[in-house]
Amino acid sequence: MTTQQHNMHTLNDNKSGNTSFLASGDIAVIGGGVVGCAVARKMALEGASVILIEKAADILAGASKGNSAILHTGFDAPVGSLEWECVQKGYHEFLEIRESFNLPLLKTGALIAAWTEEQEAKFTGILQKGSDNNVKDLRLLSRSEVLDLEPRLANSIRAAIAVPREYVIDPWSTPLAYLQQALENGGQALFNAEVTGGEFNGTSWVLNTKRGQVRAHHVINCAGLYGDILDQDVLGASEFTIKPRKGQFVIFDMAASQLLNSVILPVPTERTKGIVLFPTIFGNIAVGPTAEDQDGRDDASVDKDNLEALRAQAIEKIPALANIPVTATYAGIRPASDSSGYQVIENSDRNWITLGGIRSTGLTSALGLAQHVHQLLAKQGTNFEAITKPHVPCIPNLAEHLPRDYETPGYGEIVCHCEMVTEREITAVMEGPIPAGSLVGLKRRTRATMGRCQGFYCSARLAELTKGKFAVPLGVGDADD
């Protein structure tokens, strides 16, 4: 019997009622954001029986749902830090595996843009830091060189640093691919299963969830915005405190797609990477995020003043955006902490590892963090048998620059005309290995309701196609996403 078959057999035994546990395995990963999905994938491939536990109805319900989708090189990470190491490793692993998953990549490159003399004066330090971080291809560009690359930028641009290997990826299909590979190789995912407590008996954990108990030898806390609270509730103490930081974004209509090719990065400050102008994988141009410290961990609301300020900043840098309507706005909440670095805390006496304070670089560093977790577990004495020929899922493409489903005959009907989402895509998602648990989950798997009308015309048909399949019916509780 292969390791993969053994893992699947163990989980099936739990489902059949042979134990009183909802699930039992080697490793419980708490949190279905990009980091949790990446850790679940890595440990499943290493031969562990993995259970991902998520309190929401779908993955990416927390911090991971609202990011800028940039694949970072780590040129500006703290030199020699764990963040730098994980960003570098995650970056390279993503490029190694993405084609096998059918994950898209938009080769934009990035420009660190200086609009003032003060900003330009910081270029020497940025170039040096990039070199120290092993990003050797940064290049200083004059004003004329910048405008040759991006002729729609305002003439007030002074200079820029080119970062050729910063790219844009799909922020939602990527973690979905990680989790789907974990499941196809023996893992299990539990949704609507918030962890409320747990006990460690010296060798394994029994975690209490709102759906029942889960037993695991090791626990990896990837709870993001609630990582410190989870440590406090289960371990009795937390070594860090999450300080939520909201980032609002404005999305311009796809008519803007020809106005920008590169990611336009600001000269960063000590507190934030600043406001970014970037193409999206879906064919839009976006600007954001803001950096608003707040107490609420679930308050992803947007406000008129900040959105108007973002739009004005975008127009100031690309004047032609003044003629482009705004399609959507949204906000993400970054799990900033009371320390500037990643909070990776190993509690080896109780078989617990916490991955906290993973902020804007998390989409890139997730695979690197997963490698780091594997190394920590190996040092603790775990000895799993890696799967030699793992299943690799092929994820449907949502990128605008690559062939879409509607271009292949037999799709049934176009359900969402703004984003050209087909009935075949909706059906495949709802019948797939990780069905969408909500309308926003469906949106992230298909692009339905993302377009100009924001679901005004397609919601009725979507309600018909998903009737009885969501715990919360379509249109209820989705407004903040």
Protein backbone atom coordinates (compact mmCIF):
# COMPACT_ATOMS: atom_id res chain seq x y z
CA MET A 1 0.00 0.00 0.00
CA THR A 2 1.38 3.43 -0.94
CA THR A 3 1.60 6.28 1.54
CA GLN A 4 -1.08 8.11 -0.40
CA GLN A 5 -3.44 5.14 -0.24
CA HIS A 6 -2.76 4.74 3.48
CA ASN A 7 -3.59 8.36 4.18
CA MET A 8 -6.84 8.21 2.27
CA HIS A 9 -7.78 4.95 4.03
CA THR A 10 -7.20 6.48 7.46
CA LEU A 11 -9.45 9.44 6.68
CA ASN A 12 -12.14 7.23 5.24
CA ASP A 13 -12.10 5.17 8.44
CA ASN A 14 -12.81 8.34 10.41
CA LYS A 15 -15.72 9.19 8.16
CA SER A 16 -17.20 5.71 8.55
CA GLY A 17 -17.65 6.18 12.29
CA ASN A 18 -14.90 3.84 13.56
CA THR A 19 -13.80 6.60 15.98
CA SER A 20 -15.57 9.40 17.80
CA PHE A 21 -13.39 11.99 16.05
CA LEU A 22 -14.52 14.10 13.15
CA ALA A 23 -11.06 13.52 11.66
CA SER A 24 -7.72 12.15 12.78
CA GLY A 25 -4.29 12.52 11.24
CA ASP A 26 -0.65 13.40 11.61
CA ILE A 27 -0.99 17.17 11.17
CA ALA A 28 -3.81 19.64 11.66
CA VAL A 29 -3.37 22.94 9.82
CA ILE A 30 -5.64 25.64 11.25
CA GLY A 31 -6.53 28.34 8.73
CA GLY A 32 -7.45 28.15 5.05
CA GLY A 33 -5.53 31.16 3.77
CA VAL A 34 -2.70 30.93 1.29
CA VAL A 35 -0.18 29.95 3.99
CA GLY A 36 -2.40 27.22 5.41
CA CYS A 37 -3.12 25.81 1.96
CA ALA A 38 0.59 25.80 1.11
CA VAL A 39 1.52 24.05 4.37
CA ALA A 40 -1.23 21.46 3.87
CA ARG A 41 0.09 20.75 0.36
CA LYS A 42 3.71 20.42 1.43
CA MET A 43 3.05 18.08 4.30
CA ALA A 44 0.64 15.93 2.26
CA LEU A 45 3.33 15.55 -0.41
CA GLU A 46 5.80 14.59 2.33
CA GLY A 47 3.50 11.70 3.23
CA ALA A 48 1.73 13.07 6.31
CA SER A 49 -2.00 12.67 6.77
CA VAL A 50 -3.15 16.29 6.85
CA ILE A 51 -6.37 17.95 7.98
CA LEU A 52 -6.94 21.59 7.08
CA ILE A 53 -9.43 23.24 9.46
CA GLU A 54 -11.13 26.46 8.37
CA LYS A 55 -13.76 28.34 10.36
CA ALA A 56 -15.43 29.86 7.28
CA ALA A 57 -17.42 28.15 4.54
CA ASP A 58 -14.55 28.42 2.05
CA ILE A 59 -10.84 29.11 1.81
CA LEU A 60 -9.43 32.68 1.59
CA ALA A 61 -12.08 34.18 3.86
CA GLY A 62 -9.56 36.22 5.87
CA ALA A 63 -6.43 38.20 5.04
CA SER A 64 -5.66 36.19 1.89
CA LYS A 65 -8.77 37.35 0.05
CA GLY A 66 -7.51 40.89 -0.44
CA ASN A 67 -3.96 41.18 -1.71
CA SER A 68 -2.19 42.75 -4.66
CA ALA A 69 -1.30 39.39 -6.28
CA ILE A 70 2.34 40.32 -6.89
CA LEU A 71 5.00 37.61 -7.00
CA HIS A 72 7.80 39.30 -5.07
CA THR A 73 11.52 38.82 -5.60
CA GLY A 74 12.30 39.90 -2.04
CA PHE A 75 14.51 42.78 -3.16
CA ASP A 76 13.30 44.94 -0.26
CA ALA A 77 12.89 42.32 2.46
CA PRO A 78 14.89 42.68 5.68
CA VAL A 79 18.35 41.37 4.77
CA GLY A 80 19.01 37.89 6.10
CA SER A 81 15.55 37.59 7.65
CA LEU A 82 13.26 34.57 7.64
CA GLU A 83 10.90 36.60 5.46
CA TRP A 84 13.63 37.07 2.86
CA GLU A 85 14.49 33.36 2.94
CA CYS A 86 10.87 32.26 2.56
CA VAL A 87 10.13 34.80 -0.19
CA GLN A 88 13.15 33.60 -2.17
CA LYS A 89 12.28 29.93 -1.76
CA GLY A 90 8.59 30.50 -2.42
CA TYR A 91 9.29 32.57 -5.51
CA HIS A 92 11.48 29.88 -7.08
CA GLU A 93 9.18 26.99 -6.17
CA PHE A 94 6.16 28.77 -7.63
CA LEU A 95 7.97 29.23 -10.93
CA GLU A 96 8.99 25.56 -10.88
CA ILE A 97 5.49 24.18 -10.34
CA ARG A 98 3.07 26.71 -11.84
CA GLU A 99 2.93 25.27 -15.37
CA SER A 100 2.10 21.79 -14.07
CA PHE A 101 -0.88 23.31 -12.24
CA ASN A 102 -1.86 25.53 -15.21
CA LEU A 103 -1.41 28.61 -13.00
CA PRO A 104 -1.03 31.85 -15.01
CA LEU A 105 1.83 34.32 -14.82
CA LEU A 106 1.75 37.87 -16.16
CA LYS A 107 5.34 38.95 -16.86
CA THR A 108 4.96 42.58 -15.99
CA GLY A 109 8.19 43.45 -14.24
CA ALA A 110 8.06 46.32 -11.76
CA LEU A 111 9.28 49.91 -11.63
CA ILE A 112 10.11 51.60 -8.34
CA ALA A 113 9.06 55.08 -9.35
CA ALA A 114 10.48 58.33 -8.00
CA TRP A 115 8.28 61.38 -8.43
CA THR A 116 10.25 63.70 -6.15
CA GLU A 117 13.88 64.49 -5.53
CA GLU A 118 13.56 63.09 -2.02
CA GLN A 119 12.32 59.75 -3.36
CA GLU A 120 15.04 59.57 -5.97
CA ALA A 121 17.67 60.17 -3.26
CA LYS A 122 16.69 56.83 -1.70
CA PHE A 123 17.58 54.85 -4.84
CA THR A 124 21.16 54.18 -3.79
CA GLY A 125 20.00 52.42 -0.65
CA ILE A 126 17.33 50.45 -2.53
CA LEU A 127 19.83 49.23 -5.11
CA GLN A 128 22.26 48.21 -2.36
CA LYS A 129 19.55 46.38 -0.42
CA GLY A 130 18.48 44.53 -3.56
CA SER A 131 22.05 43.41 -4.13
CA ASP A 132 22.37 42.34 -0.49
CA ASN A 133 19.17 40.31 -0.96
CA ASN A 134 20.63 38.47 -3.97
CA VAL A 135 18.39 40.32 -6.44
CA LYS A 136 21.18 41.32 -8.80
CA ASP A 137 19.21 42.50 -11.82
CA LEU A 138 17.86 45.79 -10.45
CA ARG A 139 18.63 48.59 -12.91
CA LEU A 140 18.43 52.37 -12.66
CA LEU A 141 16.34 54.00 -15.43
CA SER A 142 16.33 57.62 -16.49
CA ARG A 143 13.12 59.54 -17.05
CA SER A 144 13.25 58.97 -20.80
CA GLU A 145 13.87 55.24 -20.34
CA VAL A 146 10.90 54.98 -17.99
CA LEU A 147 8.62 56.74 -20.46
CA ASP A 148 9.84 54.51 -23.27
CA LEU A 149 8.61 51.54 -21.23
CA GLU A 150 5.46 53.21 -19.89
CA PRO A 151 4.50 56.13 -22.16
CA ARG A 152 1.18 56.69 -20.34
CA LEU A 153 2.89 57.67 -17.10
CA ALA A 154 2.78 61.34 -16.16
CA ASN A 155 5.68 63.45 -17.39
CA SER A 156 6.46 64.35 -13.79
CA ILE A 157 8.19 61.00 -13.35
CA ARG A 158 11.87 61.60 -12.50
CA ALA A 159 13.45 58.13 -12.62
CA ALA A 160 12.84 54.54 -11.65
CA ILE A 161 14.51 51.31 -10.66
CA ALA A 162 13.54 48.36 -12.84
CA VAL A 163 12.81 45.07 -11.04
CA PRO A 164 12.46 42.76 -14.04
CA ARG A 165 11.36 39.58 -12.23
CA GLU A 166 8.42 40.91 -10.23
CA TYR A 167 5.28 39.43 -11.77
CA VAL A 168 1.50 39.32 -11.31
CA ILE A 169 -0.20 36.02 -10.55
CA ASP A 170 -3.71 34.74 -9.78
CA PRO A 171 -4.21 35.37 -6.04
CA TRP A 172 -7.14 32.98 -5.71
CA SER A 173 -6.46 30.02 -8.01
CA THR A 174 -2.97 29.66 -6.55
CA PRO A 175 -3.96 28.67 -2.98
CA LEU A 176 -6.86 26.65 -4.39
CA ALA A 177 -4.31 24.64 -6.38
CA TYR A 178 -2.24 24.05 -3.25
CA LEU A 179 -5.18 22.74 -1.27
CA GLN A 180 -6.55 20.67 -4.13
CA GLN A 181 -3.19 18.91 -4.47
CA ALA A 182 -3.20 18.23 -0.73
CA LEU A 183 -6.64 16.64 -0.99
CA GLU A 184 -5.78 14.62 -4.08
CA ASN A 185 -2.84 13.18 -2.18
CA GLY A 186 -4.60 12.02 0.95
CA GLY A 187 -5.51 15.21 2.80
CA GLN A 188 -8.82 16.41 4.13
CA ALA A 189 -10.41 19.84 4.56
CA LEU A 190 -13.02 20.80 7.13
CA PHE A 191 -15.04 23.99 6.69
CA ASN A 192 -17.33 25.81 9.12
CA ALA A 193 -15.14 24.25 11.81
CA GLU A 194 -13.85 27.06 14.01
CA VAL A 195 -11.39 25.80 16.62
CA THR A 196 -12.67 26.64 20.10
CA GLY A 197 -10.08 24.89 22.28
CA GLY A 198 -7.89 21.86 22.60
CA GLU A 199 -5.91 19.54 24.84
CA PHE A 200 -2.44 18.01 24.42
CA ASN A 201 -1.78 14.67 26.12
CA GLY A 202 1.98 14.65 25.64
CA THR A 203 1.96 13.02 22.21
CA SER A 204 -1.08 14.33 20.32
CA TRP A 205 -3.74 17.03 20.28
CA VAL A 206 -7.49 16.83 20.50
CA LEU A 207 -8.87 20.05 19.01
CA ASN A 208 -12.43 21.11 19.70
CA THR A 209 -14.21 22.63 16.72
CA LYS A 210 -17.76 23.77 16.14
CA ARG A 211 -18.29 20.61 14.09
CA GLY A 212 -16.68 18.12 16.45
CA GLN A 213 -13.28 16.97 17.67
CA VAL A 214 -10.15 16.54 15.55
CA ARG A 215 -7.13 14.52 16.67
CA ALA A 216 -3.63 15.23 15.34
CA HIS A 217 -0.07 14.65 16.48
CA HIS A 218 1.07 18.12 15.35
CA VAL A 219 -0.74 21.44 14.91
CA ILE A 220 0.30 24.27 12.59
CA ASN A 221 -1.40 27.57 13.44
CA CYS A 222 -1.95 29.48 10.19
CA ALA A 223 -4.94 31.43 11.48
CA GLY A 224 -3.75 34.79 10.14
CA LEU A 225 -5.69 37.66 11.68
CA TYR A 226 -6.64 35.41 14.59
CA GLY A 227 -3.32 33.63 15.04
CA ASP A 228 -2.51 35.32 18.35
CA ILE A 229 -6.00 34.68 19.72
CA LEU A 230 -5.78 31.01 18.76
CA ASP A 231 -2.47 30.67 20.59
CA GLN A 232 -3.97 32.42 23.61
CA ASP A 233 -7.13 30.28 23.64
CA VAL A 234 -5.44 26.91 23.11
CA LEU A 235 -1.91 27.32 24.48
CA GLY A 236 -2.76 29.80 27.19
CA ALA A 237 -0.43 32.53 25.91
CA SER A 238 0.70 34.27 22.74
CA GLU A 239 4.14 35.70 22.04
CA PHE A 240 2.79 38.33 19.65
CA THR A 241 -0.25 40.53 19.11
CA ILE A 242 -1.95 41.08 15.76
CA LYS A 243 -2.44 44.74 14.86
CA PRO A 244 -4.90 44.68 11.93
CA ARG A 245 -4.05 46.98 9.05
CA LYS A 246 -6.68 47.67 6.42
CA GLY A 247 -5.75 48.20 2.80
CA GLN A 248 -8.36 49.60 0.41
CA PHE A 249 -8.14 49.13 -3.37
CA VAL A 250 -9.77 50.69 -6.42
CA ILE A 251 -10.23 48.60 -9.58
CA PHE A 252 -10.46 50.36 -12.93
CA ASP A 253 -12.47 48.92 -15.82
CA MET A 254 -10.78 46.58 -18.30
CA ALA A 255 -10.82 49.45 -20.78
CA ALA A 256 -7.70 50.62 -18.89
CA SER A 257 -5.72 47.48 -19.70
CA GLN A 258 -3.66 49.15 -22.43
CA LEU A 259 -2.53 52.00 -20.20
CA LEU A 260 -0.04 50.08 -18.09
CA ASN A 261 2.25 47.10 -18.57
CA SER A 262 4.39 47.18 -15.42
CA VAL A 263 3.76 47.15 -11.70
CA ILE A 264 4.45 50.70 -10.47
CA LEU A 265 5.90 50.52 -6.97
CA PRO A 266 6.42 53.52 -4.72
CA VAL A 267 9.58 54.23 -2.81
CA PRO A 268 8.72 52.35 0.42
CA THR A 269 8.72 53.78 3.93
CA GLU A 270 9.54 52.12 7.24
CA ARG A 271 5.84 51.48 7.86
CA THR A 272 4.45 50.43 4.49
CA LYS A 273 5.33 49.45 0.96
CA GLY A 274 2.99 52.24 -0.11
CA ILE A 275 0.42 52.67 -2.88
CA VAL A 276 0.95 50.40 -5.90
CA LEU A 277 -0.45 50.72 -9.43
CA PHE A 278 -0.62 47.33 -11.10
CA PRO A 279 -2.26 45.31 -13.86
CA THR A 280 -4.33 42.40 -12.61
CA ILE A 281 -4.37 38.91 -14.03
CA PHE A 282 -8.04 39.54 -14.87
CA GLY A 283 -7.38 42.44 -17.25
CA ASN A 284 -7.98 45.43 -14.98
CA ILE A 285 -5.71 48.07 -13.47
CA ALA A 286 -5.76 48.39 -9.69
CA VAL A 287 -4.43 50.95 -7.23
CA GLY A 288 -3.84 50.41 -3.52
CA PRO A 289 -3.55 49.52 -0.76
CA THR A 290 -4.01 52.12 1.90
CA ALA A 291 -2.45 51.39 5.29
CA GLU A 292 -5.01 52.01 8.03
CA ASP A 293 -4.37 50.62 11.51
CA GLN A 294 -7.57 49.54 13.19
CA ASP A 295 -8.85 47.37 16.03
CA GLY A 296 -11.40 45.36 14.07
CA ARG A 297 -10.16 42.13 12.51
CA ASP A 298 -13.22 41.68 10.29
CA ASP A 299 -13.89 45.27 9.24
CA ALA A 300 -13.11 45.18 5.52
CA SER A 301 -15.37 48.13 4.75
CA VAL A 302 -14.35 50.84 2.30
CA ASP A 303 -14.97 54.57 2.59
CA LYS A 304 -15.49 57.31 0.04
CA ASP A 305 -12.64 59.59 1.09
CA ASN A 306 -9.94 56.94 0.88
CA LEU A 307 -11.28 55.57 -2.39
CA GLU A 308 -11.39 59.01 -3.96
CA ALA A 309 -7.84 59.66 -2.76
CA LEU A 310 -6.65 56.40 -4.32
CA ARG A 311 -8.33 57.21 -7.61
CA ALA A 312 -6.81 60.69 -7.59
CA GLN A 313 -3.33 59.26 -6.96
CA ALA A 314 -3.78 56.82 -9.83
CA ILE A 315 -4.88 59.61 -12.20
CA GLU A 316 -1.97 61.77 -11.09
CA LYS A 317 0.41 59.01 -12.19
CA ILE A 318 -1.54 57.89 -15.27
CA PRO A 319 -3.64 60.85 -16.44
CA ALA A 320 -5.62 58.79 -18.98
CA LEU A 321 -7.26 56.92 -16.09
CA ALA A 322 -9.44 60.01 -15.60
CA ASN A 323 -11.57 58.74 -18.49
CA ILE A 324 -11.87 55.16 -17.18
CA PRO A 325 -14.73 54.16 -14.87
CA VAL A 326 -14.13 52.34 -11.61
CA THR A 327 -15.47 48.79 -11.77
CA ALA A 328 -15.03 47.74 -8.16
CA THR A 329 -13.58 48.61 -4.78
CA TYR A 330 -12.56 46.34 -1.95
CA ALA A 331 -10.44 46.17 1.18
CA GLY A 332 -8.14 43.55 2.63
CA ILE A 333 -6.89 43.34 6.20
CA ARG A 334 -3.24 42.50 6.68
CA PRO A 335 -2.24 40.61 9.85
CA ALA A 336 0.42 43.08 10.91
CA SER A 337 1.79 42.41 14.38
CA ASP A 338 3.55 44.28 17.17
CA SER A 339 6.83 43.18 15.58
CA SER A 340 7.91 44.02 12.05
CA GLY A 341 9.04 40.50 11.13
CA TYR A 342 7.34 37.17 10.60
CA GLN A 343 6.32 35.51 13.88
CA VAL A 344 7.28 31.85 13.43
CA ILE A 345 7.11 30.31 16.88
CA GLU A 346 7.94 26.68 17.57
CA ASN A 347 6.46 25.10 20.68
CA SER A 348 8.13 21.71 20.26
CA ASP A 349 7.18 20.48 23.74
CA ARG A 350 3.56 20.56 22.64
CA ASN A 351 3.94 19.75 18.92
CA TRP A 352 2.69 23.19 17.91
CA ILE A 353 4.06 25.69 15.38
CA THR A 354 2.62 29.15 14.83
CA LEU A 355 3.07 31.12 11.61
CA GLY A 356 1.99 34.65 12.50
CA GLY A 357 2.40 38.20 11.26
CA ILE A 358 2.62 37.08 7.61
CA ARG A 359 1.79 40.28 5.78
CA SER A 360 1.99 41.52 2.20
CA THR A 361 4.62 39.03 1.01
CA GLY A 362 2.58 36.02 2.15
CA LEU A 363 1.33 35.04 -1.31
CA THR A 364 4.94 34.63 -2.46
CA SER A 365 6.44 33.30 0.76
CA ALA A 366 3.74 30.69 1.45
CA LEU A 367 5.60 27.88 -0.33
CA GLY A 368 8.82 28.90 1.42
CA LEU A 369 7.06 28.94 4.80
CA ALA A 370 5.73 25.47 4.05
CA GLN A 371 9.29 24.28 3.41
CA HIS A 372 10.34 25.87 6.71
CA VAL A 373 7.56 24.06 8.59
CA HIS A 374 8.69 20.76 7.11
CA GLN A 375 12.24 21.44 8.29
CA LEU A 376 11.05 22.30 11.81
CA LEU A 377 8.95 19.13 12.00
CA ALA A 378 11.87 17.03 10.76
CA LYS A 379 14.02 18.44 13.57
CA GLN A 380 11.30 17.39 16.00
CA GLY A 381 11.71 13.83 14.79
CA THR A 382 8.87 13.36 12.31
CA ASN A 383 9.72 10.86 9.62
CA PHE A 384 7.13 10.72 6.87
CA GLU A 385 7.47 8.84 3.59
CA ALA A 386 7.22 11.34 0.75
CA ILE A 387 4.88 10.49 -2.11
CA THR A 388 6.98 9.59 -5.14
CA LYS A 389 4.39 10.27 -7.85
CA PRO A 390 1.88 12.76 -6.48
CA HIS A 391 -1.28 13.75 -8.27
CA VAL A 392 -1.07 17.26 -9.76
CA PRO A 393 -4.39 19.04 -10.39
CA CYS A 394 -4.93 21.18 -13.47
CA ILE A 395 -6.59 24.41 -12.39
CA PRO A 396 -8.97 26.16 -14.83
CA ASN A 397 -7.51 29.37 -16.22
CA LEU A 398 -9.07 32.69 -15.20
CA ALA A 399 -6.38 34.97 -16.65
CA GLU A 400 -7.48 37.40 -19.33
CA HIS A 401 -4.31 37.05 -21.42
CA LEU A 402 -4.75 33.27 -21.85
CA PRO A 403 -7.54 31.19 -23.45
CA ARG A 404 -10.75 31.17 -21.40
CA ASP A 405 -13.50 28.55 -21.20
CA TYR A 406 -15.97 30.52 -23.34
CA GLU A 407 -13.57 30.19 -26.28
CA THR A 408 -14.16 26.41 -26.39
CA PRO A 409 -17.51 25.16 -27.79
CA GLY A 410 -19.98 23.31 -25.61
CA TYR A 411 -19.99 25.69 -22.65
CA GLY A 412 -23.79 25.84 -22.44
CA GLU A 413 -24.46 29.54 -21.92
CA ILE A 414 -22.68 32.67 -20.81
CA VAL A 415 -23.90 33.25 -17.25
CA CYS A 416 -21.84 36.33 -16.36
CA HIS A 417 -21.52 38.47 -19.48
CA CYS A 418 -19.24 41.09 -17.91
CA GLU A 419 -16.55 38.52 -17.16
CA MET A 420 -17.59 35.92 -19.78
CA VAL A 421 -18.16 33.14 -17.25
CA THR A 422 -19.83 30.03 -18.63
CA GLU A 423 -22.43 27.64 -17.28
CA ARG A 424 -19.86 24.86 -17.74
CA GLU A 425 -17.44 26.68 -15.42
CA ILE A 426 -20.11 27.18 -12.74
CA THR A 427 -21.15 23.53 -12.89
CA ALA A 428 -17.55 22.30 -12.75
CA VAL A 429 -16.83 24.40 -9.67
CA MET A 430 -19.93 23.27 -7.79
CA GLU A 431 -19.26 19.61 -8.61
CA GLY A 432 -15.49 19.77 -8.21
CA PRO A 433 -13.20 18.43 -5.47
CA ILE A 434 -13.45 21.67 -3.45
CA PRO A 435 -16.91 23.09 -4.23
CA ALA A 436 -17.41 26.78 -3.57
CA GLY A 437 -18.92 27.31 -0.14
CA SER A 438 -20.39 30.73 -0.88
CA LEU A 439 -20.96 33.26 -3.63
CA VAL A 440 -17.57 34.85 -2.95
CA GLY A 441 -15.98 31.42 -3.20
CA LEU A 442 -17.67 30.97 -6.56
CA LYS A 443 -16.46 34.41 -7.65
CA ARG A 444 -12.86 33.53 -6.79
CA ARG A 445 -13.07 30.30 -8.78
CA THR A 446 -14.79 31.69 -11.89
CA ARG A 447 -14.76 35.57 -11.90
CA ALA A 448 -18.59 35.60 -11.81
CA THR A 449 -19.93 38.94 -10.44
CA MET A 450 -16.49 40.61 -10.67
CA GLY A 451 -17.30 42.79 -13.66
CA ARG A 452 -18.96 46.09 -14.51
CA CYS A 453 -22.41 45.26 -13.17
CA GLN A 454 -21.06 43.57 -10.01
CA GLY A 455 -23.58 40.76 -10.30
CA PHE A 456 -26.66 42.89 -11.04
CA TYR A 457 -27.57 40.93 -14.18
CA CYS A 458 -26.26 37.43 -13.42
CA SER A 459 -27.22 36.98 -9.75
CA ALA A 460 -30.63 35.50 -10.52
CA ARG A 461 -29.15 32.85 -12.82
CA LEU A 462 -26.38 32.12 -10.32
CA ALA A 463 -29.01 31.63 -7.64
CA GLU A 464 -30.69 29.02 -9.85
CA LEU A 465 -27.45 27.19 -10.58
CA THR A 466 -26.37 27.10 -6.92
CA LYS A 467 -29.76 26.53 -5.29
CA GLY A 468 -29.43 24.37 -2.20
CA LYS A 469 -25.63 24.23 -2.41
CA PHE A 470 -24.63 27.11 -0.13
CA ALA A 471 -25.25 27.07 3.62
CA VAL A 472 -26.05 30.78 3.29
CA PRO A 473 -28.14 31.39 0.16
CA LEU A 474 -26.78 33.60 -2.58
CA GLY A 475 -27.00 37.29 -1.79
CA VAL A 476 -27.00 36.90 1.99
CA GLY A 477 -23.86 38.00 3.83
CA ASP A 478 -21.75 38.60 0.71
CA ALA A 479 -21.83 42.38 0.49
CA ASP A 480 -18.49 42.92 2.26
CA ASP A 481 -16.58 40.74 -0.18
